[in-house]
Amino acid sequence: MANYKTLLTGHLLAPFGKRVLPEITPEMVGPWERSVVAAGYSPRTAKDARGVLITILGDAVRAGYIPNNPAARIRGKGPRGYTASRHSSGQRRRGRRRSRPC
């Protein structure tokens, strides 16, 4: 819990604390995460801070404050991949079912 509070106060409140939720865009999150590393913090710290942001904005999506999570990472690559915004309702694409030997 202490790490969560440190990440929140040290890395998230200054850039995002005074913004209205719909103002936060995916285009803001990537540069912000890189700026944490540029400020001398480890890439792991930046990743952990983004994880806290993802959790906070995910809760805002579930509460209906914003339509999708702008901090969510794009998952998968190519035409079979999916993004959190395309499947924000929690539905995921199903892959092929394998036939099981009898």
N, C-alpha and C. Protein backbone atom coordinates (compact mmCIF):
# COMPACT_ATOMS: atom_id res chain seq x y z
N MET A 1 0.82 -1.19 0.00
CA MET A 1 0.00 0.00 0.00
C MET A 1 0.87 1.26 0.00
N ALA A 2 2.01 1.18 0.66
CA ALA A 2 2.90 2.35 0.70
C ALA A 2 3.42 2.67 -0.69
N ASN A 3 3.73 1.62 -1.48
CA ASN A 3 4.22 1.84 -2.83
C ASN A 3 3.14 2.49 -3.70
N TYR A 4 1.89 2.06 -3.53
CA TYR A 4 0.77 2.64 -4.26
C TYR A 4 0.67 4.13 -3.96
N LYS A 5 0.75 4.48 -2.69
CA LYS A 5 0.65 5.88 -2.29
C LYS A 5 1.82 6.69 -2.84
N THR A 6 3.02 6.12 -2.81
CA THR A 6 4.20 6.80 -3.34
C THR A 6 4.06 7.04 -4.85
N LEU A 7 3.60 6.03 -5.57
CA LEU A 7 3.42 6.19 -7.02
C LEU A 7 2.34 7.22 -7.31
N LEU A 8 1.27 7.17 -6.55
CA LEU A 8 0.17 8.12 -6.75
C LEU A 8 0.60 9.55 -6.49
N THR A 9 1.22 9.78 -5.35
CA THR A 9 1.61 11.15 -5.00
C THR A 9 2.83 11.62 -5.77
N GLY A 10 3.76 10.72 -6.04
CA GLY A 10 5.00 11.12 -6.69
C GLY A 10 4.96 11.22 -8.19
N HIS A 11 4.04 10.47 -8.83
CA HIS A 11 4.07 10.43 -10.29
C HIS A 11 2.74 10.72 -10.97
N LEU A 12 1.64 10.52 -10.29
CA LEU A 12 0.33 10.65 -10.96
C LEU A 12 -0.41 11.96 -10.66
N LEU A 13 -0.37 12.41 -9.44
CA LEU A 13 -1.17 13.58 -9.09
C LEU A 13 -0.72 14.85 -9.80
N ALA A 14 0.58 15.04 -9.95
CA ALA A 14 1.04 16.27 -10.61
C ALA A 14 0.57 16.36 -12.07
N PRO A 15 0.76 15.34 -12.89
CA PRO A 15 0.33 15.48 -14.29
C PRO A 15 -1.16 15.26 -14.52
N PHE A 16 -1.83 14.47 -13.68
CA PHE A 16 -3.22 14.11 -13.97
C PHE A 16 -4.22 14.56 -12.90
N GLY A 17 -3.76 14.97 -11.74
CA GLY A 17 -4.64 15.25 -10.61
C GLY A 17 -5.68 16.34 -10.82
N LYS A 18 -5.37 17.35 -11.59
CA LYS A 18 -6.32 18.46 -11.78
C LYS A 18 -7.13 18.33 -13.07
N ARG A 19 -6.94 17.25 -13.79
CA ARG A 19 -7.66 17.04 -15.06
C ARG A 19 -9.00 16.36 -14.81
N VAL A 20 -9.96 16.70 -15.64
CA VAL A 20 -11.23 16.00 -15.65
C VAL A 20 -10.98 14.68 -16.39
N LEU A 21 -11.58 13.60 -15.95
CA LEU A 21 -11.28 12.28 -16.51
C LEU A 21 -11.34 12.21 -18.04
N PRO A 22 -12.36 12.76 -18.70
CA PRO A 22 -12.39 12.67 -20.17
C PRO A 22 -11.25 13.42 -20.87
N GLU A 23 -10.55 14.29 -20.16
CA GLU A 23 -9.42 15.02 -20.76
C GLU A 23 -8.18 14.13 -20.92
N ILE A 24 -8.10 13.05 -20.16
CA ILE A 24 -6.93 12.17 -20.23
C ILE A 24 -7.08 11.29 -21.47
N THR A 25 -6.08 11.38 -22.35
CA THR A 25 -6.13 10.64 -23.62
C THR A 25 -4.97 9.67 -23.71
N PRO A 26 -5.08 8.65 -24.57
CA PRO A 26 -3.96 7.72 -24.78
C PRO A 26 -2.70 8.44 -25.25
N GLU A 27 -2.87 9.53 -25.99
CA GLU A 27 -1.73 10.29 -26.50
C GLU A 27 -0.95 10.98 -25.38
N MET A 28 -1.56 11.16 -24.23
CA MET A 28 -0.89 11.78 -23.09
C MET A 28 -0.14 10.75 -22.25
N VAL A 29 -0.64 9.53 -22.21
CA VAL A 29 -0.13 8.54 -21.28
C VAL A 29 1.27 8.04 -21.67
N GLY A 30 1.49 7.74 -22.93
CA GLY A 30 2.80 7.25 -23.38
C GLY A 30 3.92 8.25 -23.11
N PRO A 31 3.77 9.50 -23.54
CA PRO A 31 4.80 10.49 -23.24
C PRO A 31 5.01 10.71 -21.74
N TRP A 32 3.94 10.67 -20.98
CA TRP A 32 4.08 10.82 -19.53
C TRP A 32 4.92 9.68 -18.96
N GLU A 33 4.65 8.44 -19.38
CA GLU A 33 5.41 7.28 -18.88
C GLU A 33 6.90 7.42 -19.24
N ARG A 34 7.19 7.87 -20.46
CA ARG A 34 8.58 8.07 -20.87
C ARG A 34 9.22 9.22 -20.08
N SER A 35 8.43 10.22 -19.71
CA SER A 35 8.99 11.34 -18.94
C SER A 35 9.39 10.91 -17.53
N VAL A 36 8.72 9.91 -16.98
CA VAL A 36 9.10 9.39 -15.67
C VAL A 36 10.50 8.79 -15.75
N VAL A 37 10.77 8.03 -16.81
CA VAL A 37 12.10 7.45 -17.00
C VAL A 37 13.12 8.56 -17.28
N ALA A 38 12.75 9.53 -18.09
CA ALA A 38 13.65 10.65 -18.42
C ALA A 38 14.01 11.46 -17.17
N ALA A 39 13.14 11.45 -16.18
CA ALA A 39 13.41 12.18 -14.94
C ALA A 39 14.37 11.42 -14.03
N GLY A 40 14.81 10.24 -14.46
CA GLY A 40 15.79 9.49 -13.69
C GLY A 40 15.26 8.28 -12.95
N TYR A 41 13.97 7.99 -13.07
CA TYR A 41 13.41 6.81 -12.42
C TYR A 41 13.60 5.60 -13.32
N SER A 42 13.52 4.43 -12.73
CA SER A 42 13.73 3.20 -13.51
C SER A 42 12.51 2.93 -14.39
N PRO A 43 12.71 2.19 -15.48
CA PRO A 43 11.57 1.80 -16.31
C PRO A 43 10.52 1.02 -15.51
N ARG A 44 10.96 0.27 -14.52
CA ARG A 44 10.03 -0.49 -13.69
C ARG A 44 9.13 0.46 -12.89
N THR A 45 9.69 1.54 -12.37
CA THR A 45 8.90 2.53 -11.64
C THR A 45 7.85 3.15 -12.56
N ALA A 46 8.27 3.47 -13.78
CA ALA A 46 7.33 4.05 -14.75
C ALA A 46 6.22 3.06 -15.07
N LYS A 47 6.58 1.79 -15.23
CA LYS A 47 5.59 0.76 -15.53
C LYS A 47 4.62 0.58 -14.36
N ASP A 48 5.15 0.59 -13.14
CA ASP A 48 4.31 0.46 -11.96
C ASP A 48 3.36 1.66 -11.82
N ALA A 49 3.87 2.86 -12.09
CA ALA A 49 3.02 4.05 -12.02
C ALA A 49 1.91 3.97 -13.07
N ARG A 50 2.25 3.49 -14.26
CA ARG A 50 1.22 3.33 -15.29
C ARG A 50 0.20 2.28 -14.86
N GLY A 51 0.66 1.25 -14.19
CA GLY A 51 -0.26 0.23 -13.67
C GLY A 51 -1.26 0.81 -12.70
N VAL A 52 -0.81 1.71 -11.84
CA VAL A 52 -1.73 2.38 -10.91
C VAL A 52 -2.72 3.23 -11.69
N LEU A 53 -2.24 3.94 -12.70
CA LEU A 53 -3.13 4.76 -13.53
C LEU A 53 -4.15 3.89 -14.26
N ILE A 54 -3.71 2.74 -14.77
CA ILE A 54 -4.63 1.81 -15.45
C ILE A 54 -5.72 1.36 -14.48
N THR A 55 -5.33 1.04 -13.26
CA THR A 55 -6.30 0.59 -12.26
C THR A 55 -7.31 1.69 -11.93
N ILE A 56 -6.83 2.90 -11.72
CA ILE A 56 -7.72 4.01 -11.38
C ILE A 56 -8.69 4.29 -12.53
N LEU A 57 -8.17 4.36 -13.75
CA LEU A 57 -9.04 4.65 -14.89
C LEU A 57 -9.95 3.47 -15.22
N GLY A 58 -9.51 2.26 -14.94
CA GLY A 58 -10.38 1.10 -15.11
C GLY A 58 -11.57 1.16 -14.18
N ASP A 59 -11.34 1.60 -12.94
CA ASP A 59 -12.45 1.78 -12.01
C ASP A 59 -13.41 2.87 -12.51
N ALA A 60 -12.86 3.92 -13.12
CA ALA A 60 -13.70 5.00 -13.66
C ALA A 60 -14.55 4.49 -14.83
N VAL A 61 -13.99 3.58 -15.63
CA VAL A 61 -14.77 2.99 -16.73
C VAL A 61 -15.92 2.17 -16.16
N ARG A 62 -15.62 1.31 -15.19
CA ARG A 62 -16.67 0.46 -14.59
C ARG A 62 -17.75 1.30 -13.90
N ALA A 63 -17.37 2.45 -13.36
CA ALA A 63 -18.35 3.33 -12.70
C ALA A 63 -19.13 4.18 -13.70
N GLY A 64 -18.71 4.16 -14.98
CA GLY A 64 -19.43 4.90 -16.01
C GLY A 64 -18.99 6.34 -16.19
N TYR A 65 -17.86 6.73 -15.60
CA TYR A 65 -17.38 8.11 -15.74
C TYR A 65 -16.73 8.37 -17.09
N ILE A 66 -16.09 7.35 -17.68
CA ILE A 66 -15.46 7.47 -18.99
C ILE A 66 -15.78 6.20 -19.78
N PRO A 67 -15.82 6.29 -21.12
CA PRO A 67 -16.21 5.13 -21.93
C PRO A 67 -15.14 4.05 -22.04
N ASN A 68 -13.87 4.42 -22.01
CA ASN A 68 -12.80 3.43 -22.09
C ASN A 68 -11.57 3.93 -21.34
N ASN A 69 -10.62 3.03 -21.15
CA ASN A 69 -9.44 3.33 -20.36
C ASN A 69 -8.32 3.85 -21.26
N PRO A 70 -8.01 5.13 -21.19
CA PRO A 70 -6.97 5.68 -22.07
C PRO A 70 -5.56 5.22 -21.72
N ALA A 71 -5.37 4.64 -20.54
CA ALA A 71 -4.04 4.18 -20.15
C ALA A 71 -3.80 2.71 -20.48
N ALA A 72 -4.85 2.00 -20.87
CA ALA A 72 -4.71 0.57 -21.17
C ALA A 72 -3.78 0.37 -22.36
N ARG A 73 -2.93 -0.62 -22.23
CA ARG A 73 -2.00 -0.93 -23.31
C ARG A 73 -2.71 -1.71 -24.39
N ILE A 74 -2.25 -1.54 -25.61
CA ILE A 74 -2.79 -2.32 -26.72
C ILE A 74 -2.25 -3.72 -26.58
N ARG A 75 -3.14 -4.69 -26.62
CA ARG A 75 -2.73 -6.07 -26.44
C ARG A 75 -2.76 -6.79 -27.79
N GLY A 76 -1.79 -7.59 -28.02
CA GLY A 76 -1.73 -8.35 -29.25
C GLY A 76 -1.24 -7.50 -30.39
N LYS A 77 -0.86 -8.15 -31.46
CA LYS A 77 -0.39 -7.43 -32.64
C LYS A 77 -1.07 -8.02 -33.85
N GLY A 78 -1.20 -7.22 -34.87
CA GLY A 78 -1.78 -7.71 -36.11
C GLY A 78 -3.29 -7.81 -36.03
N PRO A 79 -3.90 -8.39 -37.06
CA PRO A 79 -5.35 -8.42 -37.14
C PRO A 79 -6.03 -9.26 -36.07
N ARG A 80 -5.31 -10.19 -35.44
CA ARG A 80 -5.92 -11.02 -34.40
C ARG A 80 -5.83 -10.38 -33.02
N GLY A 81 -5.06 -9.31 -32.90
CA GLY A 81 -4.94 -8.63 -31.61
C GLY A 81 -6.19 -7.85 -31.30
N TYR A 82 -6.29 -7.40 -30.09
CA TYR A 82 -7.42 -6.55 -29.72
C TYR A 82 -6.94 -5.48 -28.78
N THR A 83 -7.72 -4.42 -28.69
CA THR A 83 -7.37 -3.34 -27.79
C THR A 83 -8.41 -3.28 -26.69
N ALA A 84 -8.02 -2.69 -25.61
CA ALA A 84 -8.95 -2.55 -24.49
C ALA A 84 -10.15 -1.70 -24.89
N SER A 85 -9.94 -0.70 -25.76
CA SER A 85 -11.04 0.18 -26.13
C SER A 85 -12.04 -0.53 -27.03
N ARG A 86 -11.57 -1.46 -27.88
CA ARG A 86 -12.49 -2.19 -28.75
C ARG A 86 -13.31 -3.19 -27.96
N HIS A 87 -12.78 -3.63 -26.84
CA HIS A 87 -13.46 -4.64 -26.04
C HIS A 87 -13.59 -4.17 -24.61
N SER A 88 -14.03 -2.94 -24.44
CA SER A 88 -14.07 -2.36 -23.10
C SER A 88 -15.13 -3.00 -22.21
N SER A 89 -16.06 -3.74 -22.79
CA SER A 89 -17.10 -4.34 -21.97
C SER A 89 -16.62 -5.62 -21.30
N GLY A 90 -15.35 -5.95 -21.49
CA GLY A 90 -14.83 -7.15 -20.86
C GLY A 90 -14.88 -8.37 -21.77
N GLN A 91 -15.47 -8.22 -22.95
CA GLN A 91 -15.54 -9.33 -23.88
C GLN A 91 -14.22 -9.46 -24.61
N ARG A 92 -13.80 -10.67 -24.80
CA ARG A 92 -12.57 -10.92 -25.54
C ARG A 92 -12.88 -11.81 -26.72
N ARG A 93 -12.06 -11.65 -27.74
CA ARG A 93 -12.23 -12.50 -28.90
C ARG A 93 -11.89 -13.92 -28.52
N ARG A 94 -12.67 -14.83 -29.03
CA ARG A 94 -12.39 -16.22 -28.75
C ARG A 94 -11.59 -16.81 -29.90
N GLY A 95 -10.62 -17.57 -29.54
CA GLY A 95 -9.80 -18.24 -30.55
C GLY A 95 -10.50 -19.51 -31.02
N ARG A 96 -9.83 -20.21 -31.90
CA ARG A 96 -10.40 -21.46 -32.39
C ARG A 96 -10.45 -22.47 -31.26
N ARG A 97 -11.48 -23.26 -31.29
CA ARG A 97 -11.56 -24.33 -30.31
C ARG A 97 -10.82 -25.53 -30.88
N ARG A 98 -10.09 -26.15 -30.04
CA ARG A 98 -9.37 -27.35 -30.48
C ARG A 98 -10.25 -28.55 -30.25
N SER A 99 -10.22 -29.42 -31.21
CA SER A 99 -10.99 -30.65 -31.00
C SER A 99 -10.22 -31.55 -30.05
N ARG A 100 -10.94 -32.17 -29.17
CA ARG A 100 -10.31 -33.02 -28.20
C ARG A 100 -10.46 -34.47 -28.64
N PRO A 101 -9.39 -35.24 -28.53
CA PRO A 101 -9.51 -36.65 -28.92
C PRO A 101 -10.43 -37.39 -27.94
N CYS A 102 -11.18 -38.30 -28.46
CA CYS A 102 -12.10 -39.06 -27.62
C CYS A 102 -11.45 -40.22 -26.92
